[in-house]
C-alpha atoms as a PDB file:
ATOM      1  CA  UNK A   1      -0.005  -0.003   0.003  1.00  0.00           C
ATOM      2  CA  UNK A   2       1.412   3.374  -0.932  1.00  0.00           C
ATOM      3  CA  UNK A   3       2.109   6.176   1.506  1.00  0.00           C
ATOM      4  CA  UNK A   4      -0.712   8.322   0.125  1.00  0.00           C
ATOM      5  CA  UNK A   5      -3.330   5.710   1.044  1.00  0.00           C
ATOM      6  CA  UNK A   6      -1.833   5.184   4.490  1.00  0.00           C
ATOM      7  CA  UNK A   7      -1.961   8.933   5.082  1.00  0.00           C
ATOM      8  CA  UNK A   8      -5.611   8.935   4.012  1.00  0.00           C
ATOM      9  CA  UNK A   9      -6.403   6.081   6.433  1.00  0.00           C
ATOM     10  CA  UNK A  10      -4.825   8.083   9.257  1.00  0.00           C
ATOM     11  CA  UNK A  11      -6.597  11.260   8.200  1.00  0.00           C
ATOM     12  CA  UNK A  12      -9.985   9.515   8.204  1.00  0.00           C
ATOM     13  CA  UNK A  13      -9.261   7.923  11.590  1.00  0.00           C
ATOM     14  CA  UNK A  14      -8.419  11.323  13.112  1.00  0.00           C
ATOM     15  CA  UNK A  15     -11.529  12.878  11.614  1.00  0.00           C
ATOM     16  CA  UNK A  16     -13.686   9.994  12.863  1.00  0.00           C
ATOM     17  CA  UNK A  17     -12.444  10.567  16.417  1.00  0.00           C
ATOM     18  CA  UNK A  18     -12.862  14.330  16.291  1.00  0.00           C
ATOM     19  CA  UNK A  19     -15.982  15.236  14.296  1.00  0.00           C
ATOM     20  CA  UNK A  20     -17.179  11.980  12.747  1.00  0.00           C
ATOM     21  CA  UNK A  21     -17.431  10.796   9.136  1.00  0.00           C
ATOM     22  CA  UNK A  22     -20.159  11.143   6.539  1.00  0.00           C
ATOM     23  CA  UNK A  23     -21.432   8.066   4.658  1.00  0.00           C
ATOM     24  CA  UNK A  24     -19.043   8.570   1.733  1.00  0.00           C
ATOM     25  CA  UNK A  25     -16.043   8.786   4.075  1.00  0.00           C
ATOM     26  CA  UNK A  26     -17.208   5.705   5.996  1.00  0.00           C
ATOM     27  CA  UNK A  27     -17.325   3.751   2.733  1.00  0.00           C
ATOM     28  CA  UNK A  28     -13.888   5.046   1.727  1.00  0.00           C
ATOM     29  CA  UNK A  29     -12.442   4.143   5.117  1.00  0.00           C
ATOM     30  CA  UNK A  30     -13.882   0.627   4.938  1.00  0.00           C
ATOM     31  CA  UNK A  31     -12.434   0.115   1.451  1.00  0.00           C
ATOM     32  CA  UNK A  32      -9.002   1.384   2.530  1.00  0.00           C
ATOM     33  CA  UNK A  33      -9.005  -0.824   5.653  1.00  0.00           C
ATOM     34  CA  UNK A  34      -9.887  -3.876   3.552  1.00  0.00           C
ATOM     35  CA  UNK A  35      -7.054  -3.122   1.135  1.00  0.00           C
ATOM     36  CA  UNK A  36      -4.621  -2.566   4.009  1.00  0.00           C
ATOM     37  CA  UNK A  37      -5.607  -5.796   5.757  1.00  0.00           C
ATOM     38  CA  UNK A  38      -5.391  -7.762   2.490  1.00  0.00           C
ATOM     39  CA  UNK A  39      -1.804  -6.546   2.130  1.00  0.00           C
ATOM     40  CA  UNK A  40      -0.949  -7.580   5.692  1.00  0.00           C
ATOM     41  CA  UNK A  41      -2.555 -10.994   5.183  1.00  0.00           C
ATOM     42  CA  UNK A  42      -0.530 -11.454   1.992  1.00  0.00           C
ATOM     43  CA  UNK A  43       2.686 -10.632   3.838  1.00  0.00           C
ATOM     44  CA  UNK A  44       1.867 -13.110   6.620  1.00  0.00           C
ATOM     45  CA  UNK A  45       1.004 -15.846   4.107  1.00  0.00           C
ATOM     46  CA  UNK A  46       4.280 -15.270   2.234  1.00  0.00           C
ATOM     47  CA  UNK A  47       6.187 -15.387   5.519  1.00  0.00           C
ATOM     48  CA  UNK A  48       4.485 -18.599   6.631  1.00  0.00           C
ATOM     49  CA  UNK A  49       5.073 -20.228   3.247  1.00  0.00           C
ATOM     50  CA  UNK A  50       8.810 -19.521   3.541  1.00  0.00           C
ATOM     51  CA  UNK A  51       9.135 -21.231   6.932  1.00  0.00           C
ATOM     52  CA  UNK A  52      10.715 -24.664   6.989  1.00  0.00           C
ATOM     53  CA  UNK A  53      10.882 -26.726  10.178  1.00  0.00           C
ATOM     54  CA  UNK A  54      13.922 -28.956  10.269  1.00  0.00           C
ATOM     55  CA  UNK A  55      14.731 -31.779  12.690  1.00  0.00           C
ATOM     56  CA  UNK A  56      18.044 -30.889  14.310  1.00  0.00           C
ATOM     57  CA  UNK A  57      18.996 -34.563  14.572  1.00  0.00           C
ATOM     58  CA  UNK A  58      18.679 -35.023  10.778  1.00  0.00           C
ATOM     59  CA  UNK A  59      22.264 -35.190   9.474  1.00  0.00           C
ATOM     60  CA  UNK A  60      21.190 -34.827   5.829  1.00  0.00           C
ATOM     61  CA  UNK A  61      21.326 -31.032   6.104  1.00  0.00           C
ATOM     62  CA  UNK A  62      25.023 -30.549   5.354  1.00  0.00           C
ATOM     63  CA  UNK A  63      24.960 -26.743   5.309  1.00  0.00           C
ATOM     64  CA  UNK A  64      23.975 -26.494   8.949  1.00  0.00           C
ATOM     65  CA  UNK A  65      26.482 -26.777  11.813  1.00  0.00           C
ATOM     66  CA  UNK A  66      26.242 -29.910  13.945  1.00  0.00           C
ATOM     67  CA  UNK A  67      24.993 -29.268  17.468  1.00  0.00           C
ATOM     68  CA  UNK A  68      26.067 -31.108  20.581  1.00  0.00           C
ATOM     69  CA  UNK A  69      24.097 -31.520  23.827  1.00  0.00           C
ATOM     70  CA  UNK A  70      20.754 -30.464  22.410  1.00  0.00           C
ATOM     71  CA  UNK A  71      17.956 -30.720  24.937  1.00  0.00           C
ATOM     72  CA  UNK A  72      14.610 -32.212  23.907  1.00  0.00           C
ATOM     73  CA  UNK A  73      12.824 -28.879  23.521  1.00  0.00           C
ATOM     74  CA  UNK A  74      15.572 -27.686  21.187  1.00  0.00           C
ATOM     75  CA  UNK A  75      15.325 -30.661  18.808  1.00  0.00           C
ATOM     76  CA  UNK A  76      13.841 -28.582  16.022  1.00  0.00           C
ATOM     77  CA  UNK A  77      14.567 -25.193  14.614  1.00  0.00           C
ATOM     78  CA  UNK A  78      12.935 -23.047  11.997  1.00  0.00           C
ATOM     79  CA  UNK A  79      14.571 -21.831   8.817  1.00  0.00           C
ATOM     80  CA  UNK A  80      13.046 -18.519   7.810  1.00  0.00           C
ATOM     81  CA  UNK A  81      14.403 -17.436   4.472  1.00  0.00           C
ATOM     82  CA  UNK A  82      18.139 -17.657   5.007  1.00  0.00           C
ATOM     83  CA  UNK A  83      18.034 -17.171   8.803  1.00  0.00           C
ATOM     84  CA  UNK A  84      17.883 -20.116  11.182  1.00  0.00           C
ATOM     85  CA  UNK A  85      15.762 -19.477  14.271  1.00  0.00           C
ATOM     86  CA  UNK A  86      16.509 -21.733  17.241  1.00  0.00           C
END
């Protein structure tokens, strides 16, 4: 979403709190919120689709360092893009 639309969302929110919105502005605000939320949902879906859960005991992953003394709750880690989250 471009900066202009975000500014308009904020402008409508301020006006709603101060003096209220007319029917046209309410419709515009609803449309902008839907567009904004669709963008956020798309980002979350892309993020979730890029997550890979890997078993730390699986030795077939040669590009990852071997870990010693891993406790049971640390048996898996998540690869998010190129970062490994433990």
